[in-house]
Amino acid sequence: MFDRLGHAWRVLATGACFIVFGVGSLLLGVVVFPLLNTVVRKRERRAPLARGVIRATFRFLVWLMRATGLMTVEVQGLDRLRGGGRLILANHPTLIDVVLLMALVEQADCVVKGALGRNPVTRGPVLAAGFVFNDDGGEELVADCLRSLRTGNNLIIFPEGTRSSRTEPMRLLRGAARVAVHGVLDVTPVRISCTPATLAKGEKWYQVPARRAHILIAVGEAIAISPFIAGAANPALAARHLNRHLTDYFSKEHDLASA
C-alpha cells in the first residue's frame, strides 16, 4: 500500500513540477526578460544577467524535485566545472539533463533546438540568454559555438542531439567534436546516469518508476584535444577520431543503463 501511495505521489509531484516549469518560463518570458531588456540595453551585458536568472530558476527546480521526493542527485567532480570557456559534453539519458547541468554551471550557454526559440513557453528565456541554436549544423553553428566560448561562457552540448535511446547503440553527431578541433579546446566530459530510468526518450511524464530515481552526475578529467589534432592529417579526420573516442567514452554509461 505504501509503495502504491508513494508512486501516486511521485506522479502528482512530477505533474506539479512540469506546471511550475511551464508557468515559470511564461512569467520569465512575459515579465522578467522584457523588463531586463528595457533596463539593460546592451546585449553583451544583458545575456549574462539572463543566464544568471535561468540558473537560479533551474537550481530552484532541482531543489523542488529533490524536496518532493522525485529524485536524489549526486555530483562527482564538481570542481572540474568551475571557471570559464569550458566545452562541456554530456550524454543525455533524461529530459531534465539540461536543467541539472545548467543549475551547476555558471554562465552556461547551451546548444538548443531552434524550435525552443519559437515555443511560447521557452522563447523568452532562450532568446534573452542568447543560447546557440542548432538550426544550421554547418560552419555557422561551429562559429557560433566558438564565439560563445571565447567570450568566457561555458558551452554545454549533448553530442547525441537528442535523448539517448535505451534500445539502440549510442550515436554521436560530429558537431561537438568539430567545435573542439576547430577551437583547439579540451573537452570536459560529463556522464549522467539515472537509476531507475525516468523521463527517458519515448516515455510520458506520468510514467514514473516504482521507486525514487537517483541521478549521478560524474564530471570526468578533461580530454586533451592536441593528440587528436597532431595524429590526423586534417581537422575533419581529427574530428572523426575524437568523435569515435567520445562515443566509446559515453557508451560505457549507455551500455550499463541499457543492461
C-alpha atoms as a PDB file:
ATOM      1  CA  MET A   1       0.000   0.000   0.000  1.00  0.00           C
ATOM      2  CA  PHE A   2       2.776   2.430   0.903  1.00  0.00           C
ATOM      3  CA  ASP A   3       4.516   1.642  -2.399  1.00  0.00           C
ATOM      4  CA  ARG A   4       1.337   2.498  -4.330  1.00  0.00           C
ATOM      5  CA  LEU A   5       0.859   5.707  -2.365  1.00  0.00           C
ATOM      6  CA  GLY A   6       4.492   6.673  -2.969  1.00  0.00           C
ATOM      7  CA  HIS A   7       4.110   6.028  -6.691  1.00  0.00           C
ATOM      8  CA  ALA A   8       0.902   8.069  -6.874  1.00  0.00           C
ATOM      9  CA  TRP A   9       2.591  10.922  -5.030  1.00  0.00           C
ATOM     10  CA  ARG A  10       5.513  10.951  -7.487  1.00  0.00           C
ATOM     11  CA  VAL A  11       3.110  11.065 -10.436  1.00  0.00           C
ATOM     12  CA  LEU A  12       1.348  14.083  -8.900  1.00  0.00           C
ATOM     13  CA  ALA A  13       4.634  15.734  -7.927  1.00  0.00           C
ATOM     14  CA  THR A  14       6.041  15.227 -11.443  1.00  0.00           C
ATOM     15  CA  GLY A  15       2.989  16.893 -12.944  1.00  0.00           C
ATOM     16  CA  ALA A  16       3.261  19.748 -10.453  1.00  0.00           C
ATOM     17  CA  CYS A  17       6.943  20.283 -11.329  1.00  0.00           C
ATOM     18  CA  PHE A  18       6.101  20.437 -15.035  1.00  0.00           C
ATOM     19  CA  ILE A  19       3.409  23.011 -14.282  1.00  0.00           C
ATOM     20  CA  VAL A  20       5.860  25.062 -12.204  1.00  0.00           C
ATOM     21  CA  PHE A  21       8.372  24.909 -15.065  1.00  0.00           C
ATOM     22  CA  GLY A  22       5.800  25.997 -17.650  1.00  0.00           C
ATOM     23  CA  VAL A  23       4.329  28.811 -15.581  1.00  0.00           C
ATOM     24  CA  GLY A  24       7.783  29.969 -14.506  1.00  0.00           C
ATOM     25  CA  SER A  25       9.013  30.056 -18.104  1.00  0.00           C
ATOM     26  CA  LEU A  26       5.976  32.082 -19.178  1.00  0.00           C
ATOM     27  CA  LEU A  27       6.479  34.568 -16.341  1.00  0.00           C
ATOM     28  CA  LEU A  28      10.147  34.936 -17.235  1.00  0.00           C
ATOM     29  CA  GLY A  29       9.269  35.461 -20.889  1.00  0.00           C
ATOM     30  CA  VAL A  30       6.354  37.842 -20.300  1.00  0.00           C
ATOM     31  CA  VAL A  31       7.549  39.818 -17.262  1.00  0.00           C
ATOM     32  CA  VAL A  32      11.168  39.328 -16.196  1.00  0.00           C
ATOM     33  CA  PHE A  33      13.045  39.320 -19.502  1.00  0.00           C
ATOM     34  CA  PRO A  34      11.071  42.167 -21.151  1.00  0.00           C
ATOM     35  CA  LEU A  35      11.863  44.217 -18.042  1.00  0.00           C
ATOM     36  CA  LEU A  36      15.507  43.190 -18.310  1.00  0.00           C
ATOM     37  CA  ASN A  37      15.513  44.187 -21.996  1.00  0.00           C
ATOM     38  CA  THR A  38      14.198  47.611 -21.031  1.00  0.00           C
ATOM     39  CA  VAL A  39      16.621  48.210 -18.188  1.00  0.00           C
ATOM     40  CA  VAL A  40      19.755  46.738 -19.793  1.00  0.00           C
ATOM     41  CA  ARG A  41      20.021  47.790 -23.410  1.00  0.00           C
ATOM     42  CA  LYS A  42      23.352  46.258 -24.353  1.00  0.00           C
ATOM     43  CA  ARG A  43      23.071  42.592 -25.311  1.00  0.00           C
ATOM     44  CA  GLU A  44      26.578  41.736 -24.080  1.00  0.00           C
ATOM     45  CA  ARG A  45      25.565  42.878 -20.586  1.00  0.00           C
ATOM     46  CA  ARG A  46      22.013  41.546 -20.713  1.00  0.00           C
ATOM     47  CA  ALA A  47      22.780  37.949 -21.741  1.00  0.00           C
ATOM     48  CA  PRO A  48      24.932  37.121 -18.663  1.00  0.00           C
ATOM     49  CA  LEU A  49      22.220  38.512 -16.386  1.00  0.00           C
ATOM     50  CA  ALA A  50      19.593  36.431 -18.186  1.00  0.00           C
ATOM     51  CA  ARG A  51      21.722  33.300 -17.799  1.00  0.00           C
ATOM     52  CA  GLY A  52      22.056  34.048 -14.096  1.00  0.00           C
ATOM     53  CA  VAL A  53      18.264  34.241 -13.773  1.00  0.00           C
ATOM     54  CA  ILE A  54      17.868  30.956 -15.655  1.00  0.00           C
ATOM     55  CA  ARG A  55      20.474  29.256 -13.475  1.00  0.00           C
ATOM     56  CA  ALA A  56      18.723  30.414 -10.315  1.00  0.00           C
ATOM     57  CA  THR A  57      15.399  29.164 -11.702  1.00  0.00           C
ATOM     58  CA  PHE A  58      16.870  25.767 -12.568  1.00  0.00           C
ATOM     59  CA  ARG A  59      18.502  25.485  -9.152  1.00  0.00           C
ATOM     60  CA  PHE A  60      15.064  26.037  -7.621  1.00  0.00           C
ATOM     61  CA  LEU A  61      13.563  23.362  -9.888  1.00  0.00           C
ATOM     62  CA  VAL A  62      16.237  20.843  -8.884  1.00  0.00           C
ATOM     63  CA  TRP A  63      15.612  21.685  -5.222  1.00  0.00           C
ATOM     64  CA  LEU A  64      11.873  21.231  -5.757  1.00  0.00           C
ATOM     65  CA  MET A  65      12.297  17.822  -7.418  1.00  0.00           C
ATOM     66  CA  ARG A  66      14.505  16.687  -4.569  1.00  0.00           C
ATOM     67  CA  ALA A  67      12.291  18.164  -1.843  1.00  0.00           C
ATOM     68  CA  THR A  68       9.180  16.436  -3.213  1.00  0.00           C
ATOM     69  CA  GLY A  69      10.963  13.085  -3.259  1.00  0.00           C
ATOM     70  CA  LEU A  70      11.058  12.665  -7.035  1.00  0.00           C
ATOM     71  CA  MET A  71      14.790  12.037  -7.094  1.00  0.00           C
ATOM     72  CA  THR A  72      18.110  12.247  -5.344  1.00  0.00           C
ATOM     73  CA  VAL A  73      21.051  13.909  -7.068  1.00  0.00           C
ATOM     74  CA  GLU A  74      24.741  13.120  -6.563  1.00  0.00           C
ATOM     75  CA  VAL A  75      27.511  15.144  -8.187  1.00  0.00           C
ATOM     76  CA  GLN A  76      31.103  13.938  -8.526  1.00  0.00           C
ATOM     77  CA  GLY A  77      33.950  16.190  -9.694  1.00  0.00           C
ATOM     78  CA  LEU A  78      32.039  19.477  -9.423  1.00  0.00           C
ATOM     79  CA  ASP A  79      35.307  21.459  -9.254  1.00  0.00           C
ATOM     80  CA  ARG A  80      36.005  20.438 -12.863  1.00  0.00           C
ATOM     81  CA  LEU A  81      33.064  22.571 -13.987  1.00  0.00           C
ATOM     82  CA  ARG A  82      34.393  25.758 -12.423  1.00  0.00           C
ATOM     83  CA  GLY A  83      35.969  28.537 -14.468  1.00  0.00           C
ATOM     84  CA  GLY A  84      35.032  29.899 -17.880  1.00  0.00           C
ATOM     85  CA  GLY A  85      35.404  28.962 -21.517  1.00  0.00           C
ATOM     86  CA  ARG A  86      34.778  25.240 -20.959  1.00  0.00           C
ATOM     87  CA  LEU A  87      33.400  22.948 -23.638  1.00  0.00           C
ATOM     88  CA  ILE A  88      31.169  20.578 -21.651  1.00  0.00           C
ATOM     89  CA  LEU A  89      29.912  17.457 -23.408  1.00  0.00           C
ATOM     90  CA  ALA A  90      27.391  15.134 -21.768  1.00  0.00           C
ATOM     91  CA  ASN A  91      25.261  12.127 -22.517  1.00  0.00           C
ATOM     92  CA  HIS A  92      21.510  12.657 -22.421  1.00  0.00           C
ATOM     93  CA  PRO A  93      19.505   9.935 -20.626  1.00  0.00           C
ATOM     94  CA  THR A  94      16.653  12.098 -19.252  1.00  0.00           C
ATOM     95  CA  LEU A  95      14.502  15.056 -20.190  1.00  0.00           C
ATOM     96  CA  ILE A  96      15.891  17.183 -17.339  1.00  0.00           C
ATOM     97  CA  ASP A  97      19.622  16.833 -18.083  1.00  0.00           C
ATOM     98  CA  VAL A  98      19.894  20.417 -19.290  1.00  0.00           C
ATOM     99  CA  VAL A  99      18.157  21.642 -16.111  1.00  0.00           C
ATOM    100  CA  LEU A 100      20.564  19.661 -13.938  1.00  0.00           C
ATOM    101  CA  LEU A 101      23.715  20.837 -15.716  1.00  0.00           C
ATOM    102  CA  MET A 102      22.721  24.481 -16.062  1.00  0.00           C
ATOM    103  CA  ALA A 103      21.890  24.547 -12.364  1.00  0.00           C
ATOM    104  CA  LEU A 104      25.517  23.544 -11.686  1.00  0.00           C
ATOM    105  CA  VAL A 105      27.426  25.564 -14.295  1.00  0.00           C
ATOM    106  CA  GLU A 106      27.993  29.304 -14.016  1.00  0.00           C
ATOM    107  CA  GLN A 107      27.486  31.399 -17.158  1.00  0.00           C
ATOM    108  CA  ALA A 108      26.287  28.356 -19.051  1.00  0.00           C
ATOM    109  CA  ASP A 109      25.449  28.606 -22.724  1.00  0.00           C
ATOM    110  CA  CYS A 110      23.767  25.693 -24.443  1.00  0.00           C
ATOM    111  CA  VAL A 111      23.188  24.438 -27.971  1.00  0.00           C
ATOM    112  CA  VAL A 112      19.402  24.127 -28.252  1.00  0.00           C
ATOM    113  CA  LYS A 113      16.883  23.228 -30.918  1.00  0.00           C
ATOM    114  CA  GLY A 114      15.583  26.174 -32.905  1.00  0.00           C
ATOM    115  CA  ALA A 115      12.033  25.107 -32.028  1.00  0.00           C
ATOM    116  CA  LEU A 116      12.648  26.297 -28.449  1.00  0.00           C
ATOM    117  CA  GLY A 117      13.024  29.816 -29.780  1.00  0.00           C
ATOM    118  CA  ARG A 118       9.564  29.571 -31.347  1.00  0.00           C
ATOM    119  CA  ASN A 119       7.803  27.845 -28.451  1.00  0.00           C
ATOM    120  CA  PRO A 120       5.771  30.402 -26.427  1.00  0.00           C
ATOM    121  CA  VAL A 121       6.836  28.772 -23.142  1.00  0.00           C
ATOM    122  CA  THR A 122      10.594  28.696 -23.802  1.00  0.00           C
ATOM    123  CA  ARG A 123      11.010  31.530 -26.321  1.00  0.00           C
ATOM    124  CA  GLY A 124      11.600  34.312 -23.772  1.00  0.00           C
ATOM    125  CA  PRO A 125      14.329  32.601 -21.732  1.00  0.00           C
ATOM    126  CA  VAL A 126      16.341  31.121 -24.632  1.00  0.00           C
ATOM    127  CA  LEU A 127      16.315  34.356 -26.638  1.00  0.00           C
ATOM    128  CA  ALA A 128      17.203  36.540 -23.653  1.00  0.00           C
ATOM    129  CA  ALA A 129      20.100  34.247 -22.710  1.00  0.00           C
ATOM    130  CA  GLY A 130      21.401  34.205 -26.287  1.00  0.00           C
ATOM    131  CA  PHE A 131      21.657  30.415 -26.463  1.00  0.00           C
ATOM    132  CA  VAL A 132      23.152  28.861 -29.597  1.00  0.00           C
ATOM    133  CA  PHE A 133      20.546  27.413 -31.968  1.00  0.00           C
ATOM    134  CA  ASN A 134      21.380  24.278 -33.932  1.00  0.00           C
ATOM    135  CA  ASP A 135      19.216  25.054 -36.968  1.00  0.00           C
ATOM    136  CA  ASP A 136      22.358  25.339 -39.074  1.00  0.00           C
ATOM    137  CA  GLY A 137      24.520  22.306 -38.417  1.00  0.00           C
ATOM    138  CA  GLY A 138      27.410  23.531 -40.556  1.00  0.00           C
ATOM    139  CA  GLU A 139      30.195  26.059 -40.242  1.00  0.00           C
ATOM    140  CA  GLU A 140      27.889  28.746 -38.871  1.00  0.00           C
ATOM    141  CA  LEU A 141      26.980  26.568 -35.879  1.00  0.00           C
ATOM    142  CA  VAL A 142      30.654  25.869 -35.159  1.00  0.00           C
ATOM    143  CA  ALA A 143      31.425  29.582 -35.422  1.00  0.00           C
ATOM    144  CA  ASP A 144      28.564  30.463 -33.045  1.00  0.00           C
ATOM    145  CA  CYS A 145      29.813  27.918 -30.502  1.00  0.00           C
ATOM    146  CA  LEU A 146      33.381  29.209 -30.658  1.00  0.00           C
ATOM    147  CA  ARG A 147      32.195  32.796 -30.369  1.00  0.00           C
ATOM    148  CA  SER A 148      30.326  31.929 -27.178  1.00  0.00           C
ATOM    149  CA  LEU A 149      33.293  30.109 -25.675  1.00  0.00           C
ATOM    150  CA  ARG A 150      35.695  32.927 -26.480  1.00  0.00           C
ATOM    151  CA  THR A 151      33.558  35.380 -24.537  1.00  0.00           C
ATOM    152  CA  GLY A 152      34.059  33.215 -21.440  1.00  0.00           C
ATOM    153  CA  ASN A 153      30.808  31.240 -21.467  1.00  0.00           C
ATOM    154  CA  ASN A 154      30.745  27.563 -20.586  1.00  0.00           C
ATOM    155  CA  LEU A 155      29.120  25.781 -23.520  1.00  0.00           C
ATOM    156  CA  ILE A 156      27.049  22.661 -22.844  1.00  0.00           C
ATOM    157  CA  ILE A 157      26.474  20.295 -25.770  1.00  0.00           C
ATOM    158  CA  PHE A 158      24.703  16.951 -25.842  1.00  0.00           C
ATOM    159  CA  PRO A 159      26.528  15.326 -28.798  1.00  0.00           C
ATOM    160  CA  GLU A 160      23.724  12.826 -29.415  1.00  0.00           C
ATOM    161  CA  GLY A 161      21.471  15.730 -30.389  1.00  0.00           C
ATOM    162  CA  THR A 162      18.521  14.116 -28.597  1.00  0.00           C
ATOM    163  CA  ARG A 163      17.844  11.923 -25.591  1.00  0.00           C
ATOM    164  CA  SER A 164      19.613   8.567 -25.529  1.00  0.00           C
ATOM    165  CA  SER A 165      17.741   5.539 -26.792  1.00  0.00           C
ATOM    166  CA  ARG A 166      17.808   2.606 -24.383  1.00  0.00           C
ATOM    167  CA  THR A 167      17.319   0.114 -27.221  1.00  0.00           C
ATOM    168  CA  GLU A 168      19.814   1.378 -29.806  1.00  0.00           C
ATOM    169  CA  PRO A 169      23.598   1.866 -29.802  1.00  0.00           C
ATOM    170  CA  MET A 170      24.813   5.349 -28.944  1.00  0.00           C
ATOM    171  CA  ARG A 171      25.448   7.600 -31.925  1.00  0.00           C
ATOM    172  CA  LEU A 172      27.099  10.998 -31.575  1.00  0.00           C
ATOM    173  CA  LEU A 173      26.771  13.793 -34.103  1.00  0.00           C
ATOM    174  CA  ARG A 174      30.144  15.147 -35.153  1.00  0.00           C
ATOM    175  CA  GLY A 175      29.386  18.816 -34.478  1.00  0.00           C
ATOM    176  CA  ALA A 176      30.708  18.841 -30.893  1.00  0.00           C
ATOM    177  CA  ALA A 177      33.977  17.200 -31.995  1.00  0.00           C
ATOM    178  CA  ARG A 178      34.332  19.794 -34.760  1.00  0.00           C
ATOM    179  CA  VAL A 179      33.930  22.606 -32.226  1.00  0.00           C
ATOM    180  CA  ALA A 180      36.687  21.088 -30.077  1.00  0.00           C
ATOM    181  CA  VAL A 181      39.049  20.598 -33.012  1.00  0.00           C
ATOM    182  CA  HIS A 182      38.498  23.964 -34.701  1.00  0.00           C
ATOM    183  CA  GLY A 183      38.751  25.800 -31.389  1.00  0.00           C
ATOM    184  CA  VAL A 184      41.626  23.618 -30.101  1.00  0.00           C
ATOM    185  CA  LEU A 185      39.585  23.150 -26.918  1.00  0.00           C
ATOM    186  CA  ASP A 186      39.949  20.367 -24.386  1.00  0.00           C
ATOM    187  CA  VAL A 187      36.679  18.618 -23.583  1.00  0.00           C
ATOM    188  CA  THR A 188      35.119  18.447 -20.124  1.00  0.00           C
ATOM    189  CA  PRO A 189      33.090  15.197 -20.245  1.00  0.00           C
ATOM    190  CA  VAL A 190      30.058  14.592 -18.026  1.00  0.00           C
ATOM    191  CA  ARG A 191      28.473  11.170 -17.624  1.00  0.00           C
ATOM    192  CA  ILE A 192      24.874  11.258 -16.386  1.00  0.00           C
ATOM    193  CA  SER A 193      23.125   8.135 -15.115  1.00  0.00           C
ATOM    194  CA  CYS A 194      19.575   7.738 -13.813  1.00  0.00           C
ATOM    195  CA  THR A 195      18.556   4.678 -11.769  1.00  0.00           C
ATOM    196  CA  PRO A 196      15.847   3.591 -12.266  1.00  0.00           C
ATOM    197  CA  ALA A 197      15.313   5.286 -15.625  1.00  0.00           C
ATOM    198  CA  THR A 198      12.762   8.073 -15.785  1.00  0.00           C
ATOM    199  CA  LEU A 199      11.805  10.782 -18.287  1.00  0.00           C
ATOM    200  CA  ALA A 200      13.715   8.833 -20.929  1.00  0.00           C
ATOM    201  CA  LYS A 201      13.187   9.080 -24.670  1.00  0.00           C
ATOM    202  CA  GLY A 202       9.724   7.931 -25.645  1.00  0.00           C
ATOM    203  CA  GLU A 203       8.372   7.998 -22.091  1.00  0.00           C
ATOM    204  CA  LYS A 204       5.442  10.141 -20.950  1.00  0.00           C
ATOM    205  CA  TRP A 205       5.861  12.406 -17.941  1.00  0.00           C
ATOM    206  CA  TYR A 206       3.473  10.291 -15.856  1.00  0.00           C
ATOM    207  CA  GLN A 207       5.397   7.052 -16.465  1.00  0.00           C
ATOM    208  CA  VAL A 208       7.373   7.378 -13.261  1.00  0.00           C
ATOM    209  CA  PRO A 209       9.372   4.420 -11.900  1.00  0.00           C
ATOM    210  CA  ALA A 210       8.260   2.265  -8.984  1.00  0.00           C
ATOM    211  CA  ARG A 211      10.841   3.891  -6.717  1.00  0.00           C
ATOM    212  CA  ARG A 212      12.554   7.256  -6.442  1.00  0.00           C
ATOM    213  CA  ALA A 213      15.184   7.865  -9.105  1.00  0.00           C
ATOM    214  CA  HIS A 214      18.831   8.531  -8.271  1.00  0.00           C
ATOM    215  CA  ILE A 215      20.747  10.732 -10.700  1.00  0.00           C
ATOM    216  CA  LEU A 216      24.538  10.615 -10.704  1.00  0.00           C
ATOM    217  CA  ILE A 217      26.411  13.397 -12.493  1.00  0.00           C
ATOM    218  CA  ALA A 218      30.060  12.403 -12.838  1.00  0.00           C
ATOM    219  CA  VAL A 219      32.404  15.068 -14.249  1.00  0.00           C
ATOM    220  CA  GLY A 220      35.464  13.400 -15.733  1.00  0.00           C
ATOM    221  CA  GLU A 221      39.029  14.536 -16.251  1.00  0.00           C
ATOM    222  CA  ALA A 222      39.469  16.836 -19.238  1.00  0.00           C
ATOM    223  CA  ILE A 223      40.054  15.073 -22.553  1.00  0.00           C
ATOM    224  CA  ALA A 224      43.051  16.706 -24.247  1.00  0.00           C
ATOM    225  CA  ILE A 225      42.414  17.647 -27.860  1.00  0.00           C
ATOM    226  CA  SER A 226      46.020  18.111 -29.000  1.00  0.00           C
ATOM    227  CA  PRO A 227      46.759  14.359 -29.545  1.00  0.00           C
ATOM    228  CA  PHE A 228      43.789  14.079 -31.913  1.00  0.00           C
ATOM    229  CA  ILE A 229      44.915  17.115 -33.905  1.00  0.00           C
ATOM    230  CA  ALA A 230      48.548  16.011 -34.024  1.00  0.00           C
ATOM    231  CA  GLY A 231      47.614  12.481 -35.086  1.00  0.00           C
ATOM    232  CA  ALA A 232      45.403  13.466 -38.015  1.00  0.00           C
ATOM    233  CA  ALA A 233      46.174  14.772 -41.490  1.00  0.00           C
ATOM    234  CA  ASN A 234      43.413  17.382 -41.373  1.00  0.00           C
ATOM    235  CA  PRO A 235      40.757  18.812 -38.998  1.00  0.00           C
ATOM    236  CA  ALA A 236      37.976  16.668 -40.458  1.00  0.00           C
ATOM    237  CA  LEU A 237      39.898  13.480 -39.701  1.00  0.00           C
ATOM    238  CA  ALA A 238      40.804  14.730 -36.223  1.00  0.00           C
ATOM    239  CA  ALA A 239      37.126  15.406 -35.509  1.00  0.00           C
ATOM    240  CA  ARG A 240      36.234  11.920 -36.708  1.00  0.00           C
ATOM    241  CA  HIS A 241      38.818  10.320 -34.402  1.00  0.00           C
ATOM    242  CA  LEU A 242      37.692  12.443 -31.465  1.00  0.00           C
ATOM    243  CA  ASN A 243      34.052  11.590 -32.121  1.00  0.00           C
ATOM    244  CA  ARG A 244      34.898   7.890 -32.089  1.00  0.00           C
ATOM    245  CA  HIS A 245      36.738   8.324 -28.781  1.00  0.00           C
ATOM    246  CA  LEU A 246      33.795  10.226 -27.273  1.00  0.00           C
ATOM    247  CA  THR A 247      31.383   7.547 -28.467  1.00  0.00           C
ATOM    248  CA  ASP A 248      33.430   4.903 -26.661  1.00  0.00           C
ATOM    249  CA  TYR A 249      33.669   7.106 -23.560  1.00  0.00           C
ATOM    250  CA  PHE A 250      29.941   7.750 -23.232  1.00  0.00           C
ATOM    251  CA  SER A 251      28.879   4.311 -24.429  1.00  0.00           C
ATOM    252  CA  LYS A 252      30.194   2.768 -21.202  1.00  0.00           C
ATOM    253  CA  GLU A 253      27.478   4.606 -19.273  1.00  0.00           C
ATOM    254  CA  HIS A 254      24.925   3.944 -22.020  1.00  0.00           C
ATOM    255  CA  ASP A 255      25.623   0.194 -22.044  1.00  0.00           C
ATOM    256  CA  LEU A 256      25.215  -0.009 -18.256  1.00  0.00           C
ATOM    257  CA  ALA A 257      21.902   1.840 -18.424  1.00  0.00           C
ATOM    258  CA  SER A 258      20.641  -0.405 -21.227  1.00  0.00           C
ATOM    259  CA  ALA A 259      21.625  -3.642 -19.482  1.00  0.00           C
END
